[in-house]
Amino acid sequence: MSTRSIILFLLVAICLVYTESAAIESLCDMMCIDLYAPVCGSDGKTYGNGCYLSLANCGKPAANKVTVVSHGACGALPSDL
């Protein structure tokens, strides 16, 4: 590979990393509506809605992300909803 090709490859790689980080950062800066529609996360915590659960995942690696286990508060019985 020529020096020119290597430099071009490195510039493209840097641009891709920067673009991905900016996209993640913008998702982490989103604002959630205070509409109470609780969801139970895989971490056992109740989140006010799915948006707040998504915010809790910002910056976490994929293996550590919280997922929705059920709609409604954690530990709530179906008759409580």
PDB file of N, CA and C in Angstrom:
ATOM      1  N   MET A   1       0.847  -1.182   0.000  1.00  0.00           N
ATOM      2  CA  MET A   1       0.000   0.000   0.000  1.00  0.00           C
ATOM      3  C   MET A   1       0.888   1.239   0.000  1.00  0.00           C
ATOM      4  N   SER A   2       0.503   2.209  -0.771  1.00  0.00           N
ATOM      5  CA  SER A   2       1.286   3.437  -0.819  1.00  0.00           C
ATOM      6  C   SER A   2       0.977   4.314   0.391  1.00  0.00           C
ATOM      7  N   THR A   3       1.856   5.247   0.647  1.00  0.00           N
ATOM      8  CA  THR A   3       1.674   6.174   1.766  1.00  0.00           C
ATOM      9  C   THR A   3       0.384   6.960   1.607  1.00  0.00           C
ATOM     10  N   ARG A   4       0.093   7.317   0.383  1.00  0.00           N
ATOM     11  CA  ARG A   4      -1.124   8.089   0.108  1.00  0.00           C
ATOM     12  C   ARG A   4      -2.379   7.283   0.480  1.00  0.00           C
ATOM     13  N   SER A   5      -2.392   6.010   0.147  1.00  0.00           N
ATOM     14  CA  SER A   5      -3.531   5.142   0.473  1.00  0.00           C
ATOM     15  C   SER A   5      -3.687   4.978   1.981  1.00  0.00           C
ATOM     16  N   ILE A   6      -2.579   4.835   2.670  1.00  0.00           N
ATOM     17  CA  ILE A   6      -2.618   4.683   4.133  1.00  0.00           C
ATOM     18  C   ILE A   6      -3.180   5.939   4.780  1.00  0.00           C
ATOM     19  N   ILE A   7      -2.724   7.088   4.338  1.00  0.00           N
ATOM     20  CA  ILE A   7      -3.215   8.355   4.893  1.00  0.00           C
ATOM     21  C   ILE A   7      -4.705   8.513   4.620  1.00  0.00           C
ATOM     22  N   LEU A   8      -5.137   8.185   3.411  1.00  0.00           N
ATOM     23  CA  LEU A   8      -6.557   8.273   3.070  1.00  0.00           C
ATOM     24  C   LEU A   8      -7.378   7.327   3.946  1.00  0.00           C
ATOM     25  N   PHE A   9      -6.904   6.108   4.130  1.00  0.00           N
ATOM     26  CA  PHE A   9      -7.589   5.133   4.982  1.00  0.00           C
ATOM     27  C   PHE A   9      -7.712   5.654   6.413  1.00  0.00           C
ATOM     28  N   LEU A  10      -6.638   6.204   6.958  1.00  0.00           N
ATOM     29  CA  LEU A  10      -6.663   6.732   8.327  1.00  0.00           C
ATOM     30  C   LEU A  10      -7.628   7.905   8.460  1.00  0.00           C
ATOM     31  N   LEU A  11      -7.674   8.778   7.472  1.00  0.00           N
ATOM     32  CA  LEU A  11      -8.602   9.911   7.515  1.00  0.00           C
ATOM     33  C   LEU A  11     -10.053   9.441   7.497  1.00  0.00           C
ATOM     34  N   VAL A  12     -10.353   8.449   6.672  1.00  0.00           N
ATOM     35  CA  VAL A  12     -11.714   7.907   6.616  1.00  0.00           C
ATOM     36  C   VAL A  12     -12.072   7.262   7.953  1.00  0.00           C
ATOM     37  N   ALA A  13     -11.149   6.502   8.532  1.00  0.00           N
ATOM     38  CA  ALA A  13     -11.398   5.852   9.820  1.00  0.00           C
ATOM     39  C   ALA A  13     -11.666   6.884  10.913  1.00  0.00           C
ATOM     40  N   ILE A  14     -10.894   7.951  10.937  1.00  0.00           N
ATOM     41  CA  ILE A  14     -11.087   9.008  11.941  1.00  0.00           C
ATOM     42  C   ILE A  14     -12.454   9.660  11.763  1.00  0.00           C
ATOM     43  N   CYS A  15     -12.842   9.923  10.532  1.00  0.00           N
ATOM     44  CA  CYS A  15     -14.157  10.534  10.274  1.00  0.00           C
ATOM     45  C   CYS A  15     -15.289   9.627  10.736  1.00  0.00           C
ATOM     46  N   LEU A  16     -15.174   8.336  10.491  1.00  0.00           N
ATOM     47  CA  LEU A  16     -16.218   7.396  10.916  1.00  0.00           C
ATOM     48  C   LEU A  16     -16.342   7.349  12.431  1.00  0.00           C
ATOM     49  N   VAL A  17     -15.222   7.315  13.130  1.00  0.00           N
ATOM     50  CA  VAL A  17     -15.248   7.288  14.598  1.00  0.00           C
ATOM     51  C   VAL A  17     -15.853   8.572  15.131  1.00  0.00           C
ATOM     52  N   TYR A  18     -15.470   9.709  14.572  1.00  0.00           N
ATOM     53  CA  TYR A  18     -15.999  10.992  15.024  1.00  0.00           C
ATOM     54  C   TYR A  18     -17.505  11.069  14.798  1.00  0.00           C
ATOM     55  N   THR A  19     -17.967  10.615  13.636  1.00  0.00           N
ATOM     56  CA  THR A  19     -19.394  10.654  13.318  1.00  0.00           C
ATOM     57  C   THR A  19     -20.186   9.773  14.272  1.00  0.00           C
ATOM     58  N   GLU A  20     -19.677   8.579  14.572  1.00  0.00           N
ATOM     59  CA  GLU A  20     -20.371   7.669  15.487  1.00  0.00           C
ATOM     60  C   GLU A  20     -20.435   8.260  16.891  1.00  0.00           C
ATOM     61  N   SER A  21     -19.341   8.868  17.362  1.00  0.00           N
ATOM     62  CA  SER A  21     -19.352   9.475  18.698  1.00  0.00           C
ATOM     63  C   SER A  21     -20.327  10.634  18.772  1.00  0.00           C
ATOM     64  N   ALA A  22     -20.392  11.431  17.713  1.00  0.00           N
ATOM     65  CA  ALA A  22     -21.317  12.565  17.697  1.00  0.00           C
ATOM     66  C   ALA A  22     -22.756  12.078  17.728  1.00  0.00           C
ATOM     67  N   ALA A  23     -23.052  10.989  17.026  1.00  0.00           N
ATOM     68  CA  ALA A  23     -24.417  10.447  17.014  1.00  0.00           C
ATOM     69  C   ALA A  23     -24.796   9.940  18.396  1.00  0.00           C
ATOM     70  N   ILE A  24     -23.886   9.246  19.063  1.00  0.00           N
ATOM     71  CA  ILE A  24     -24.162   8.738  20.411  1.00  0.00           C
ATOM     72  C   ILE A  24     -24.349   9.902  21.370  1.00  0.00           C
ATOM     73  N   GLU A  25     -23.491  10.909  21.260  1.00  0.00           N
ATOM     74  CA  GLU A  25     -23.586  12.070  22.138  1.00  0.00           C
ATOM     75  C   GLU A  25     -24.913  12.788  21.952  1.00  0.00           C
ATOM     76  N   SER A  26     -25.388  12.915  20.706  1.00  0.00           N
ATOM     77  CA  SER A  26     -26.655  13.612  20.474  1.00  0.00           C
ATOM     78  C   SER A  26     -27.823  12.820  21.048  1.00  0.00           C
ATOM     79  N   LEU A  27     -27.766  11.492  21.011  1.00  0.00           N
ATOM     80  CA  LEU A  27     -28.821  10.683  21.620  1.00  0.00           C
ATOM     81  C   LEU A  27     -28.822  10.861  23.133  1.00  0.00           C
ATOM     82  N   CYS A  28     -27.644  11.006  23.705  1.00  0.00           N
ATOM     83  CA  CYS A  28     -27.545  11.165  25.154  1.00  0.00           C
ATOM     84  C   CYS A  28     -28.003  12.547  25.605  1.00  0.00           C
ATOM     85  N   ASP A  29     -28.089  13.478  24.686  1.00  0.00           N
ATOM     86  CA  ASP A  29     -28.539  14.828  25.019  1.00  0.00           C
ATOM     87  C   ASP A  29     -30.031  15.019  24.774  1.00  0.00           C
ATOM     88  N   MET A  30     -30.729  13.950  24.360  1.00  0.00           N
ATOM     89  CA  MET A  30     -32.156  14.104  24.061  1.00  0.00           C
ATOM     90  C   MET A  30     -32.941  14.393  25.335  1.00  0.00           C
ATOM     91  N   MET A  31     -34.062  15.031  25.163  1.00  0.00           N
ATOM     92  CA  MET A  31     -34.928  15.345  26.297  1.00  0.00           C
ATOM     93  C   MET A  31     -36.126  14.417  26.261  1.00  0.00           C
ATOM     94  N   CYS A  32     -36.494  13.920  27.420  1.00  0.00           N
ATOM     95  CA  CYS A  32     -37.647  13.022  27.515  1.00  0.00           C
ATOM     96  C   CYS A  32     -38.866  13.792  28.005  1.00  0.00           C
ATOM     97  N   ILE A  33     -40.018  13.407  27.505  1.00  0.00           N
ATOM     98  CA  ILE A  33     -41.284  13.992  27.947  1.00  0.00           C
ATOM     99  C   ILE A  33     -41.658  13.361  29.283  1.00  0.00           C
ATOM    100  N   ASP A  34     -42.168  14.156  30.193  1.00  0.00           N
ATOM    101  CA  ASP A  34     -42.557  13.646  31.508  1.00  0.00           C
ATOM    102  C   ASP A  34     -43.928  12.984  31.471  1.00  0.00           C
ATOM    103  N   LEU A  35     -44.096  12.059  30.557  1.00  0.00           N
ATOM    104  CA  LEU A  35     -45.317  11.275  30.469  1.00  0.00           C
ATOM    105  C   LEU A  35     -45.055   9.983  31.228  1.00  0.00           C
ATOM    106  N   TYR A  36     -45.835   9.725  32.275  1.00  0.00           N
ATOM    107  CA  TYR A  36     -45.586   8.541  33.093  1.00  0.00           C
ATOM    108  C   TYR A  36     -46.182   7.311  32.426  1.00  0.00           C
ATOM    109  N   ALA A  37     -45.316   6.504  31.885  1.00  0.00           N
ATOM    110  CA  ALA A  37     -45.681   5.225  31.265  1.00  0.00           C
ATOM    111  C   ALA A  37     -44.576   4.258  31.671  1.00  0.00           C
ATOM    112  N   PRO A  38     -44.580   3.834  32.936  1.00  0.00           N
ATOM    113  CA  PRO A  38     -43.444   3.103  33.493  1.00  0.00           C
ATOM    114  C   PRO A  38     -43.097   1.816  32.753  1.00  0.00           C
ATOM    115  N   VAL A  39     -41.801   1.548  32.738  1.00  0.00           N
ATOM    116  CA  VAL A  39     -41.291   0.287  32.202  1.00  0.00           C
ATOM    117  C   VAL A  39     -40.321  -0.288  33.224  1.00  0.00           C
ATOM    118  N   CYS A  40     -40.286  -1.599  33.295  1.00  0.00           N
ATOM    119  CA  CYS A  40     -39.375  -2.285  34.204  1.00  0.00           C
ATOM    120  C   CYS A  40     -38.131  -2.673  33.417  1.00  0.00           C
ATOM    121  N   GLY A  41     -36.982  -2.235  33.899  1.00  0.00           N
ATOM    122  CA  GLY A  41     -35.726  -2.540  33.229  1.00  0.00           C
ATOM    123  C   GLY A  41     -35.134  -3.859  33.691  1.00  0.00           C
ATOM    124  N   SER A  42     -34.247  -4.392  32.885  1.00  0.00           N
ATOM    125  CA  SER A  42     -33.590  -5.654  33.212  1.00  0.00           C
ATOM    126  C   SER A  42     -32.678  -5.535  34.430  1.00  0.00           C
ATOM    127  N   ASP A  43     -32.464  -4.305  34.898  1.00  0.00           N
ATOM    128  CA  ASP A  43     -31.676  -4.088  36.111  1.00  0.00           C
ATOM    129  C   ASP A  43     -32.556  -4.043  37.357  1.00  0.00           C
ATOM    130  N   GLY A  44     -33.863  -4.294  37.187  1.00  0.00           N
ATOM    131  CA  GLY A  44     -34.785  -4.305  38.323  1.00  0.00           C
ATOM    132  C   GLY A  44     -35.292  -2.937  38.728  1.00  0.00           C
ATOM    133  N   LYS A  45     -34.935  -1.902  37.977  1.00  0.00           N
ATOM    134  CA  LYS A  45     -35.380  -0.541  38.289  1.00  0.00           C
ATOM    135  C   LYS A  45     -36.568  -0.167  37.412  1.00  0.00           C
ATOM    136  N   THR A  46     -37.455   0.652  37.981  1.00  0.00           N
ATOM    137  CA  THR A  46     -38.585   1.172  37.217  1.00  0.00           C
ATOM    138  C   THR A  46     -38.188   2.523  36.637  1.00  0.00           C
ATOM    139  N   TYR A  47     -38.404   2.687  35.334  1.00  0.00           N
ATOM    140  CA  TYR A  47     -38.118   3.942  34.648  1.00  0.00           C
ATOM    141  C   TYR A  47     -39.442   4.604  34.299  1.00  0.00           C
ATOM    142  N   GLY A  48     -39.480   5.929  34.360  1.00  0.00           N
ATOM    143  CA  GLY A  48     -40.706   6.680  34.103  1.00  0.00           C
ATOM    144  C   GLY A  48     -41.327   6.393  32.748  1.00  0.00           C
ATOM    145  N   ASN A  49     -40.490   6.134  31.750  1.00  0.00           N
ATOM    146  CA  ASN A  49     -40.944   5.714  30.419  1.00  0.00           C
ATOM    147  C   ASN A  49     -39.734   5.177  29.659  1.00  0.00           C
ATOM    148  N   GLY A  50     -39.971   4.686  28.468  1.00  0.00           N
ATOM    149  CA  GLY A  50     -38.893   4.095  27.681  1.00  0.00           C
ATOM    150  C   GLY A  50     -37.779   5.063  27.347  1.00  0.00           C
ATOM    151  N   CYS A  51     -38.110   6.345  27.221  1.00  0.00           N
ATOM    152  CA  CYS A  51     -37.102   7.355  26.923  1.00  0.00           C
ATOM    153  C   CYS A  51     -36.089   7.454  28.061  1.00  0.00           C
ATOM    154  N   TYR A  52     -36.566   7.451  29.290  1.00  0.00           N
ATOM    155  CA  TYR A  52     -35.662   7.525  30.435  1.00  0.00           C
ATOM    156  C   TYR A  52     -34.795   6.274  30.532  1.00  0.00           C
ATOM    157  N   LEU A  53     -35.336   5.127  30.146  1.00  0.00           N
ATOM    158  CA  LEU A  53     -34.533   3.911  30.110  1.00  0.00           C
ATOM    159  C   LEU A  53     -33.434   4.058  29.059  1.00  0.00           C
ATOM    160  N   SER A  54     -33.769   4.618  27.909  1.00  0.00           N
ATOM    161  CA  SER A  54     -32.769   4.836  26.857  1.00  0.00           C
ATOM    162  C   SER A  54     -31.667   5.772  27.331  1.00  0.00           C
ATOM    163  N   LEU A  55     -32.037   6.821  28.046  1.00  0.00           N
ATOM    164  CA  LEU A  55     -31.032   7.743  28.577  1.00  0.00           C
ATOM    165  C   LEU A  55     -30.105   7.044  29.561  1.00  0.00           C
ATOM    166  N   ALA A  56     -30.650   6.120  30.338  1.00  0.00           N
ATOM    167  CA  ALA A  56     -29.831   5.380  31.299  1.00  0.00           C
ATOM    168  C   ALA A  56     -28.783   4.528  30.583  1.00  0.00           C
ATOM    169  N   ASN A  57     -29.030   4.192  29.334  1.00  0.00           N
ATOM    170  CA  ASN A  57     -28.098   3.369  28.566  1.00  0.00           C
ATOM    171  C   ASN A  57     -26.995   4.166  27.888  1.00  0.00           C
ATOM    172  N   CYS A  58     -27.077   5.480  27.895  1.00  0.00           N
ATOM    173  CA  CYS A  58     -26.090   6.305  27.202  1.00  0.00           C
ATOM    174  C   CYS A  58     -24.684   6.026  27.713  1.00  0.00           C
ATOM    175  N   GLY A  59     -23.811   5.778  26.784  1.00  0.00           N
ATOM    176  CA  GLY A  59     -22.417   5.552  27.120  1.00  0.00           C
ATOM    177  C   GLY A  59     -22.099   4.151  27.610  1.00  0.00           C
ATOM    178  N   LYS A  60     -23.103   3.314  27.772  1.00  0.00           N
ATOM    179  CA  LYS A  60     -22.852   1.948  28.237  1.00  0.00           C
ATOM    180  C   LYS A  60     -22.501   1.058  27.046  1.00  0.00           C
ATOM    181  N   PRO A  61     -21.585   0.115  27.255  1.00  0.00           N
ATOM    182  CA  PRO A  61     -21.326  -0.850  26.183  1.00  0.00           C
ATOM    183  C   PRO A  61     -22.552  -1.734  25.968  1.00  0.00           C
ATOM    184  N   ALA A  62     -22.689  -2.280  24.783  1.00  0.00           N
ATOM    185  CA  ALA A  62     -23.873  -3.073  24.428  1.00  0.00           C
ATOM    186  C   ALA A  62     -24.150  -4.189  25.429  1.00  0.00           C
ATOM    187  N   ALA A  63     -23.115  -4.799  25.961  1.00  0.00           N
ATOM    188  CA  ALA A  63     -23.299  -5.918  26.893  1.00  0.00           C
ATOM    189  C   ALA A  63     -23.929  -5.482  28.212  1.00  0.00           C
ATOM    190  N   ASN A  64     -23.833  -4.196  28.542  1.00  0.00           N
ATOM    191  CA  ASN A  64     -24.346  -3.697  29.825  1.00  0.00           C
ATOM    192  C   ASN A  64     -25.631  -2.894  29.698  1.00  0.00           C
ATOM    193  N   LYS A  65     -26.182  -2.818  28.502  1.00  0.00           N
ATOM    194  CA  LYS A  65     -27.388  -2.007  28.309  1.00  0.00           C
ATOM    195  C   LYS A  65     -28.595  -2.638  28.993  1.00  0.00           C
ATOM    196  N   VAL A  66     -29.437  -1.769  29.553  1.00  0.00           N
ATOM    197  CA  VAL A  66     -30.673  -2.190  30.213  1.00  0.00           C
ATOM    198  C   VAL A  66     -31.738  -2.360  29.137  1.00  0.00           C
ATOM    199  N   THR A  67     -32.518  -3.415  29.234  1.00  0.00           N
ATOM    200  CA  THR A  67     -33.610  -3.644  28.290  1.00  0.00           C
ATOM    201  C   THR A  67     -34.935  -3.616  29.043  1.00  0.00           C
ATOM    202  N   VAL A  68     -36.015  -3.443  28.307  1.00  0.00           N
ATOM    203  CA  VAL A  68     -37.349  -3.445  28.914  1.00  0.00           C
ATOM    204  C   VAL A  68     -37.751  -4.896  29.167  1.00  0.00           C
ATOM    205  N   VAL A  69     -38.042  -5.203  30.437  1.00  0.00           N
ATOM    206  CA  VAL A  69     -38.493  -6.540  30.810  1.00  0.00           C
ATOM    207  C   VAL A  69     -40.011  -6.610  30.715  1.00  0.00           C
ATOM    208  N   SER A  70     -40.661  -5.528  31.160  1.00  0.00           N
ATOM    209  CA  SER A  70     -42.124  -5.487  31.085  1.00  0.00           C
ATOM    210  C   SER A  70     -42.590  -4.044  31.132  1.00  0.00           C
ATOM    211  N   HIS A  71     -43.803  -3.830  30.672  1.00  0.00           N
ATOM    212  CA  HIS A  71     -44.412  -2.504  30.764  1.00  0.00           C
ATOM    213  C   HIS A  71     -45.099  -2.428  32.116  1.00  0.00           C
ATOM    214  N   GLY A  72     -44.927  -1.293  32.782  1.00  0.00           N
ATOM    215  CA  GLY A  72     -45.435  -1.138  34.140  1.00  0.00           C
ATOM    216  C   GLY A  72     -44.265  -1.156  35.108  1.00  0.00           C
ATOM    217  N   ALA A  73     -44.540  -0.791  36.338  1.00  0.00           N
ATOM    218  CA  ALA A  73     -43.499  -0.735  37.360  1.00  0.00           C
ATOM    219  C   ALA A  73     -42.980  -2.135  37.668  1.00  0.00           C
ATOM    220  N   CYS A  74     -41.725  -2.223  38.033  1.00  0.00           N
ATOM    221  CA  CYS A  74     -41.148  -3.506  38.426  1.00  0.00           C
ATOM    222  C   CYS A  74     -41.872  -4.024  39.664  1.00  0.00           C
ATOM    223  N   GLY A  75     -42.215  -5.267  39.655  1.00  0.00           N
ATOM    224  CA  GLY A  75     -42.893  -5.876  40.795  1.00  0.00           C
ATOM    225  C   GLY A  75     -44.377  -5.611  40.858  1.00  0.00           C
ATOM    226  N   ALA A  76     -44.916  -4.847  39.897  1.00  0.00           N
ATOM    227  CA  ALA A  76     -46.354  -4.553  39.915  1.00  0.00           C
ATOM    228  C   ALA A  76     -47.133  -5.778  39.448  1.00  0.00           C
ATOM    229  N   LEU A  77     -48.213  -6.053  40.102  1.00  0.00           N
ATOM    230  CA  LEU A  77     -49.101  -7.135  39.680  1.00  0.00           C
ATOM    231  C   LEU A  77     -49.989  -6.619  38.561  1.00  0.00           C
ATOM    232  N   PRO A  78     -50.466  -7.482  37.685  1.00  0.00           N
ATOM    233  CA  PRO A  78     -51.334  -7.015  36.592  1.00  0.00           C
ATOM    234  C   PRO A  78     -52.527  -6.207  37.086  1.00  0.00           C
ATOM    235  N   SER A  79     -53.037  -6.511  38.273  1.00  0.00           N
ATOM    236  CA  SER A  79     -54.186  -5.757  38.789  1.00  0.00           C
ATOM    237  C   SER A  79     -53.789  -4.359  39.254  1.00  0.00           C
ATOM    238  N   ASP A  80     -52.468  -4.128  39.460  1.00  0.00           N
ATOM    239  CA  ASP A  80     -51.987  -2.815  39.892  1.00  0.00           C
ATOM    240  C   ASP A  80     -51.911  -1.833  38.734  1.00  0.00           C
ATOM    241  N   LEU A  81     -51.951  -2.316  37.508  1.00  0.00           N
ATOM    242  CA  LEU A  81     -51.745  -1.445  36.345  1.00  0.00           C
ATOM    243  C   LEU A  81     -52.988  -0.793  35.884  1.00  0.00           C
TER     244      LEU A  81
END
